Amino acid sequence: TLGIDKKDVQSLVIEHKDIPHIVINN
């Protein structure tokens, strides 16, 4: 969706805890 590498998404999630997300069944 974002058009970036998987590793970049992982670092984005680690750096920005305020990213909008939902947890369903872990």
PDB file of all heavy atoms in Angstrom:
ATOM      1  N   THR A   1       0.823  -1.208   0.000  1.00  0.00           N
ATOM      2  CA  THR A   1       0.000   0.000   0.000  1.00  0.00           C
ATOM      3  C   THR A   1       0.857   1.257   0.000  1.00  0.00           C
ATOM      4  O   THR A   1       0.570   2.209  -0.708  1.00  0.00           O
ATOM      5  CB  THR A   1      -0.926   0.004   1.231  1.00  0.00           C
ATOM      6  OG1 THR A   1      -1.720  -1.177   1.208  1.00  0.00           O
ATOM      7  CG2 THR A   1      -1.833   1.218   1.225  1.00  0.00           C
ATOM      8  N   LEU A   2       1.915   1.245   0.796  1.00  0.00           N
ATOM      9  CA  LEU A   2       2.769   2.430   0.895  1.00  0.00           C
ATOM     10  C   LEU A   2       3.819   2.493  -0.210  1.00  0.00           C
ATOM     11  O   LEU A   2       4.417   3.544  -0.434  1.00  0.00           O
ATOM     12  CB  LEU A   2       3.456   2.465   2.258  1.00  0.00           C
ATOM     13  CG  LEU A   2       2.531   2.569   3.470  1.00  0.00           C
ATOM     14  CD1 LEU A   2       3.345   2.562   4.749  1.00  0.00           C
ATOM     15  CD2 LEU A   2       1.674   3.818   3.379  1.00  0.00           C
ATOM     16  N   GLY A   3       4.055   1.372  -0.874  1.00  0.00           N
ATOM     17  CA  GLY A   3       5.029   1.356  -1.951  1.00  0.00           C
ATOM     18  C   GLY A   3       6.471   1.412  -1.465  1.00  0.00           C
ATOM     19  O   GLY A   3       7.324   1.989  -2.128  1.00  0.00           O
ATOM     20  N   ILE A   4       6.718   0.820  -0.297  1.00  0.00           N
ATOM     21  CA  ILE A   4       8.078   0.803   0.253  1.00  0.00           C
ATOM     22  C   ILE A   4       8.447  -0.631   0.615  1.00  0.00           C
ATOM     23  O   ILE A   4       7.615  -1.543   0.563  1.00  0.00           O
ATOM     24  CB  ILE A   4       8.217   1.733   1.480  1.00  0.00           C
ATOM     25  CG1 ILE A   4       7.244   1.343   2.600  1.00  0.00           C
ATOM     26  CG2 ILE A   4       8.000   3.180   1.076  1.00  0.00           C
ATOM     27  CD1 ILE A   4       7.399   2.165   3.859  1.00  0.00           C
ATOM     28  N   ASP A   5       9.695  -0.836   1.011  1.00  0.00           N
ATOM     29  CA  ASP A   5      10.211  -2.148   1.361  1.00  0.00           C
ATOM     30  C   ASP A   5       9.671  -2.596   2.722  1.00  0.00           C
ATOM     31  O   ASP A   5       9.325  -1.766   3.575  1.00  0.00           O
ATOM     32  CB  ASP A   5      11.742  -2.082   1.399  1.00  0.00           C
ATOM     33  CG  ASP A   5      12.360  -3.459   1.398  1.00  0.00           C
ATOM     34  OD1 ASP A   5      11.869  -4.325   0.669  1.00  0.00           O
ATOM     35  OD2 ASP A   5      13.347  -3.650   2.144  1.00  0.00           O
ATOM     36  N   LYS A   6       9.605  -3.904   2.935  1.00  0.00           N
ATOM     37  CA  LYS A   6       9.114  -4.445   4.212  1.00  0.00           C
ATOM     38  C   LYS A   6       9.956  -3.965   5.398  1.00  0.00           C
ATOM     39  O   LYS A   6       9.432  -3.660   6.455  1.00  0.00           O
ATOM     40  CB  LYS A   6       9.118  -5.973   4.182  1.00  0.00           C
ATOM     41  CG  LYS A   6       8.027  -6.585   3.359  1.00  0.00           C
ATOM     42  CD  LYS A   6       8.073  -8.104   3.467  1.00  0.00           C
ATOM     43  CE  LYS A   6       6.965  -8.724   2.652  1.00  0.00           C
ATOM     44  NZ  LYS A   6       6.959 -10.194   2.772  1.00  0.00           N
ATOM     45  N   LYS A   7      11.257  -3.899   5.204  1.00  0.00           N
ATOM     46  CA  LYS A   7      12.140  -3.447   6.289  1.00  0.00           C
ATOM     47  C   LYS A   7      11.870  -1.989   6.638  1.00  0.00           C
ATOM     48  O   LYS A   7      11.940  -1.600   7.809  1.00  0.00           O
ATOM     49  CB  LYS A   7      13.600  -3.629   5.886  1.00  0.00           C
ATOM     50  CG  LYS A   7      14.008  -5.071   5.776  1.00  0.00           C
ATOM     51  CD  LYS A   7      15.448  -5.197   5.357  1.00  0.00           C
ATOM     52  CE  LYS A   7      15.819  -6.668   5.206  1.00  0.00           C
ATOM     53  NZ  LYS A   7      17.198  -6.842   4.764  1.00  0.00           N
ATOM     54  N   ASP A   8      11.534  -1.176   5.640  1.00  0.00           N
ATOM     55  CA  ASP A   8      11.206   0.227   5.904  1.00  0.00           C
ATOM     56  C   ASP A   8       9.912   0.352   6.702  1.00  0.00           C
ATOM     57  O   ASP A   8       9.781   1.218   7.562  1.00  0.00           O
ATOM     58  CB  ASP A   8      11.106   1.003   4.597  1.00  0.00           C
ATOM     59  CG  ASP A   8      12.434   1.100   3.871  1.00  0.00           C
ATOM     60  OD1 ASP A   8      13.480   1.018   4.543  1.00  0.00           O
ATOM     61  OD2 ASP A   8      12.418   1.258   2.631  1.00  0.00           O
ATOM     62  N   VAL A   9       8.955  -0.521   6.413  1.00  0.00           N
ATOM     63  CA  VAL A   9       7.701  -0.515   7.178  1.00  0.00           C
ATOM     64  C   VAL A   9       7.976  -0.900   8.625  1.00  0.00           C
ATOM     65  O   VAL A   9       7.445  -0.281   9.554  1.00  0.00           O
ATOM     66  CB  VAL A   9       6.658  -1.459   6.546  1.00  0.00           C
ATOM     67  CG1 VAL A   9       5.452  -1.640   7.455  1.00  0.00           C
ATOM     68  CG2 VAL A   9       6.206  -0.947   5.196  1.00  0.00           C
ATOM     69  N   GLN A  10       8.815  -1.890   8.835  1.00  0.00           N
ATOM     70  CA  GLN A  10       9.135  -2.313  10.197  1.00  0.00           C
ATOM     71  C   GLN A  10       9.802  -1.185  10.977  1.00  0.00           C
ATOM     72  O   GLN A  10       9.457  -0.933  12.137  1.00  0.00           O
ATOM     73  CB  GLN A  10      10.051  -3.538  10.166  1.00  0.00           C
ATOM     74  CG  GLN A  10       9.351  -4.787   9.686  1.00  0.00           C
ATOM     75  CD  GLN A  10      10.309  -5.956   9.479  1.00  0.00           C
ATOM     76  OE1 GLN A  10      11.523  -5.794   9.557  1.00  0.00           O
ATOM     77  NE2 GLN A  10       9.746  -7.125   9.206  1.00  0.00           N
ATOM     78  N   SER A  11      10.736  -0.488  10.350  1.00  0.00           N
ATOM     79  CA  SER A  11      11.389   0.620  11.059  1.00  0.00           C
ATOM     80  C   SER A  11      10.416   1.778  11.285  1.00  0.00           C
ATOM     81  O   SER A  11      10.485   2.457  12.315  1.00  0.00           O
ATOM     82  CB  SER A  11      12.624   1.096  10.297  1.00  0.00           C
ATOM     83  OG  SER A  11      12.265   1.644   9.058  1.00  0.00           O
ATOM     84  N   LEU A  12       9.484   1.997  10.359  1.00  0.00           N
ATOM     85  CA  LEU A  12       8.475   3.048  10.522  1.00  0.00           C
ATOM     86  C   LEU A  12       7.586   2.748  11.720  1.00  0.00           C
ATOM     87  O   LEU A  12       7.284   3.636  12.527  1.00  0.00           O
ATOM     88  CB  LEU A  12       7.635   3.168   9.239  1.00  0.00           C
ATOM     89  CG  LEU A  12       6.586   4.260   9.187  1.00  0.00           C
ATOM     90  CD1 LEU A  12       7.265   5.628   9.086  1.00  0.00           C
ATOM     91  CD2 LEU A  12       5.654   4.056   8.010  1.00  0.00           C
ATOM     92  N   VAL A  13       7.195   1.493  11.865  1.00  0.00           N
ATOM     93  CA  VAL A  13       6.337   1.093  12.985  1.00  0.00           C
ATOM     94  C   VAL A  13       7.091   1.224  14.314  1.00  0.00           C
ATOM     95  O   VAL A  13       6.524   1.655  15.318  1.00  0.00           O
ATOM     96  CB  VAL A  13       5.819  -0.353  12.780  1.00  0.00           C
ATOM     97  CG1 VAL A  13       5.141  -0.885  14.031  1.00  0.00           C
ATOM     98  CG2 VAL A  13       4.872  -0.403  11.594  1.00  0.00           C
ATOM     99  N   ILE A  14       8.377   0.882  14.323  1.00  0.00           N
ATOM    100  CA  ILE A  14       9.167   0.981  15.557  1.00  0.00           C
ATOM    101  C   ILE A  14       9.386   2.442  15.948  1.00  0.00           C
ATOM    102  O   ILE A  14       9.262   2.809  17.115  1.00  0.00           O
ATOM    103  CB  ILE A  14      10.514   0.244  15.379  1.00  0.00           C
ATOM    104  CG1 ILE A  14      10.259  -1.265  15.286  1.00  0.00           C
ATOM    105  CG2 ILE A  14      11.460   0.556  16.525  1.00  0.00           C
ATOM    106  CD1 ILE A  14      11.472  -2.069  14.863  1.00  0.00           C
ATOM    107  N   GLU A  15       9.663   3.285  14.968  1.00  0.00           N
ATOM    108  CA  GLU A  15       9.930   4.700  15.247  1.00  0.00           C
ATOM    109  C   GLU A  15       8.677   5.480  15.627  1.00  0.00           C
ATOM    110  O   GLU A  15       8.738   6.417  16.411  1.00  0.00           O
ATOM    111  CB  GLU A  15      10.576   5.361  14.027  1.00  0.00           C
ATOM    112  CG  GLU A  15      11.985   4.899  13.746  1.00  0.00           C
ATOM    113  CD  GLU A  15      12.531   5.489  12.459  1.00  0.00           C
ATOM    114  OE1 GLU A  15      11.926   6.433  11.902  1.00  0.00           O
ATOM    115  OE2 GLU A  15      13.564   4.988  11.992  1.00  0.00           O
ATOM    116  N   HIS A  16       7.541   5.109  15.054  1.00  0.00           N
ATOM    117  CA  HIS A  16       6.292   5.862  15.271  1.00  0.00           C
ATOM    118  C   HIS A  16       5.252   4.946  15.906  1.00  0.00           C
ATOM    119  O   HIS A  16       4.574   4.180  15.230  1.00  0.00           O
ATOM    120  CB  HIS A  16       5.761   6.410  13.942  1.00  0.00           C
ATOM    121  CG  HIS A  16       6.709   7.334  13.255  1.00  0.00           C
ATOM    122  ND1 HIS A  16       6.817   8.658  13.593  1.00  0.00           N
ATOM    123  CD2 HIS A  16       7.597   7.115  12.247  1.00  0.00           C
ATOM    124  CE1 HIS A  16       7.724   9.225  12.820  1.00  0.00           C
ATOM    125  NE2 HIS A  16       8.225   8.314  12.004  1.00  0.00           N
ATOM    126  N   LYS A  17       5.127   5.057  17.197  1.00  0.00           N
ATOM    127  CA  LYS A  17       4.157   4.230  17.931  1.00  0.00           C
ATOM    128  C   LYS A  17       2.716   4.723  17.728  1.00  0.00           C
ATOM    129  O   LYS A  17       1.778   4.007  18.027  1.00  0.00           O
ATOM    130  CB  LYS A  17       4.482   4.229  19.430  1.00  0.00           C
ATOM    131  CG  LYS A  17       5.843   3.673  19.755  1.00  0.00           C
ATOM    132  CD  LYS A  17       5.908   2.214  19.437  1.00  0.00           C
ATOM    133  CE  LYS A  17       7.288   1.690  19.846  1.00  0.00           C
ATOM    134  NZ  LYS A  17       7.507   0.319  19.457  1.00  0.00           N
ATOM    135  N   ASP A  18       2.568   5.948  17.204  1.00  0.00           N
ATOM    136  CA  ASP A  18       1.234   6.521  17.027  1.00  0.00           C
ATOM    137  C   ASP A  18       0.606   6.149  15.678  1.00  0.00           C
ATOM    138  O   ASP A  18      -0.452   6.669  15.324  1.00  0.00           O
ATOM    139  CB  ASP A  18       1.285   8.039  17.169  1.00  0.00           C
ATOM    140  CG  ASP A  18       2.158   8.695  16.104  1.00  0.00           C
ATOM    141  OD1 ASP A  18       3.107   8.040  15.637  1.00  0.00           O
ATOM    142  OD2 ASP A  18       1.879   9.853  15.744  1.00  0.00           O
ATOM    143  N   ILE A  19       1.213   5.238  14.952  1.00  0.00           N
ATOM    144  CA  ILE A  19       0.656   4.827  13.658  1.00  0.00           C
ATOM    145  C   ILE A  19      -0.715   4.181  13.897  1.00  0.00           C
ATOM    146  O   ILE A  19      -0.882   3.381  14.821  1.00  0.00           O
ATOM    147  CB  ILE A  19       1.631   3.868  12.939  1.00  0.00           C
ATOM    148  CG1 ILE A  19       1.163   3.581  11.514  1.00  0.00           C
ATOM    149  CG2 ILE A  19       1.833   2.587  13.701  1.00  0.00           C
ATOM    150  CD1 ILE A  19       2.209   2.883  10.673  1.00  0.00           C
ATOM    151  N   PRO A  20      -1.731   4.555  13.117  1.00  0.00           N
ATOM    152  CA  PRO A  20      -3.076   4.006  13.345  1.00  0.00           C
ATOM    153  C   PRO A  20      -3.125   2.510  13.013  1.00  0.00           C
ATOM    154  O   PRO A  20      -2.778   2.110  11.899  1.00  0.00           O
ATOM    155  CB  PRO A  20      -3.972   4.817  12.404  1.00  0.00           C
ATOM    156  CG  PRO A  20      -3.062   5.420  11.401  1.00  0.00           C
ATOM    157  CD  PRO A  20      -1.720   5.522  12.013  1.00  0.00           C
ATOM    158  N   HIS A  21      -3.537   1.710  13.984  1.00  0.00           N
ATOM    159  CA  HIS A  21      -3.633   0.274  13.779  1.00  0.00           C
ATOM    160  C   HIS A  21      -4.705  -0.319  14.679  1.00  0.00           C
ATOM    161  O   HIS A  21      -5.148   0.302  15.640  1.00  0.00           O
ATOM    162  CB  HIS A  21      -2.281  -0.407  14.036  1.00  0.00           C
ATOM    163  CG  HIS A  21      -1.850  -0.325  15.465  1.00  0.00           C
ATOM    164  ND1 HIS A  21      -1.284   0.792  16.000  1.00  0.00           N
ATOM    165  CD2 HIS A  21      -1.908  -1.250  16.457  1.00  0.00           C
ATOM    166  CE1 HIS A  21      -0.999   0.568  17.266  1.00  0.00           C
ATOM    167  NE2 HIS A  21      -1.385  -0.653  17.582  1.00  0.00           N
ATOM    168  N   ILE A  22      -5.096  -1.532  14.356  1.00  0.00           N
ATOM    169  CA  ILE A  22      -6.101  -2.281  15.112  1.00  0.00           C
ATOM    170  C   ILE A  22      -5.551  -3.680  15.317  1.00  0.00           C
ATOM    171  O   ILE A  22      -4.991  -4.277  14.393  1.00  0.00           O
ATOM    172  CB  ILE A  22      -7.435  -2.362  14.340  1.00  0.00           C
ATOM    173  CG1 ILE A  22      -7.996  -0.970  14.075  1.00  0.00           C
ATOM    174  CG2 ILE A  22      -8.441  -3.225  15.062  1.00  0.00           C
ATOM    175  CD1 ILE A  22      -9.176  -0.963  13.125  1.00  0.00           C
ATOM    176  N   VAL A  23      -5.717  -4.230  16.508  1.00  0.00           N
ATOM    177  CA  VAL A  23      -5.284  -5.589  16.794  1.00  0.00           C
ATOM    178  C   VAL A  23      -6.528  -6.467  16.925  1.00  0.00           C
ATOM    179  O   VAL A  23      -7.400  -6.203  17.750  1.00  0.00           O
ATOM    180  CB  VAL A  23      -4.437  -5.658  18.084  1.00  0.00           C
ATOM    181  CG1 VAL A  23      -4.022  -7.096  18.370  1.00  0.00           C
ATOM    182  CG2 VAL A  23      -3.230  -4.751  17.980  1.00  0.00           C
ATOM    183  N   ILE A  24      -6.598  -7.507  16.073  1.00  0.00           N
ATOM    184  CA  ILE A  24      -7.715  -8.455  16.105  1.00  0.00           C
ATOM    185  C   ILE A  24      -7.108  -9.858  16.159  1.00  0.00           C
ATOM    186  O   ILE A  24      -6.368 -10.252  15.246  1.00  0.00           O
ATOM    187  CB  ILE A  24      -8.614  -8.316  14.858  1.00  0.00           C
ATOM    188  CG1 ILE A  24      -9.150  -6.894  14.726  1.00  0.00           C
ATOM    189  CG2 ILE A  24      -9.756  -9.331  14.897  1.00  0.00           C
ATOM    190  CD1 ILE A  24      -9.879  -6.629  13.429  1.00  0.00           C
ATOM    191  N   ASN A  25      -7.411 -10.595  17.225  1.00  0.00           N
ATOM    192  CA  ASN A  25      -6.873 -11.954  17.400  1.00  0.00           C
ATOM    193  C   ASN A  25      -5.354 -11.999  17.236  1.00  0.00           C
ATOM    194  O   ASN A  25      -4.810 -12.834  16.515  1.00  0.00           O
ATOM    195  CB  ASN A  25      -7.528 -12.935  16.418  1.00  0.00           C
ATOM    196  CG  ASN A  25      -8.982 -13.164  16.722  1.00  0.00           C
ATOM    197  OD1 ASN A  25      -9.411 -13.042  17.863  1.00  0.00           O
ATOM    198  ND2 ASN A  25      -9.755 -13.475  15.701  1.00  0.00           N
ATOM    199  N   ASN A  26      -4.699 -11.084  17.868  1.00  0.00           N
ATOM    200  CA  ASN A  26      -3.231 -10.970  17.828  1.00  0.00           C
ATOM    201  C   ASN A  26      -2.674 -10.686  16.431  1.00  0.00           C
ATOM    202  O   ASN A  26      -1.495 -10.893  16.178  1.00  0.00           O
ATOM    203  CB  ASN A  26      -2.561 -12.221  18.409  1.00  0.00           C
ATOM    204  CG  ASN A  26      -2.845 -12.379  19.873  1.00  0.00           C
ATOM    205  OD1 ASN A  26      -2.968 -11.393  20.601  1.00  0.00           O
ATOM    206  ND2 ASN A  26      -2.978 -13.615  20.326  1.00  0.00           N
TER     207      ASN A  26
END
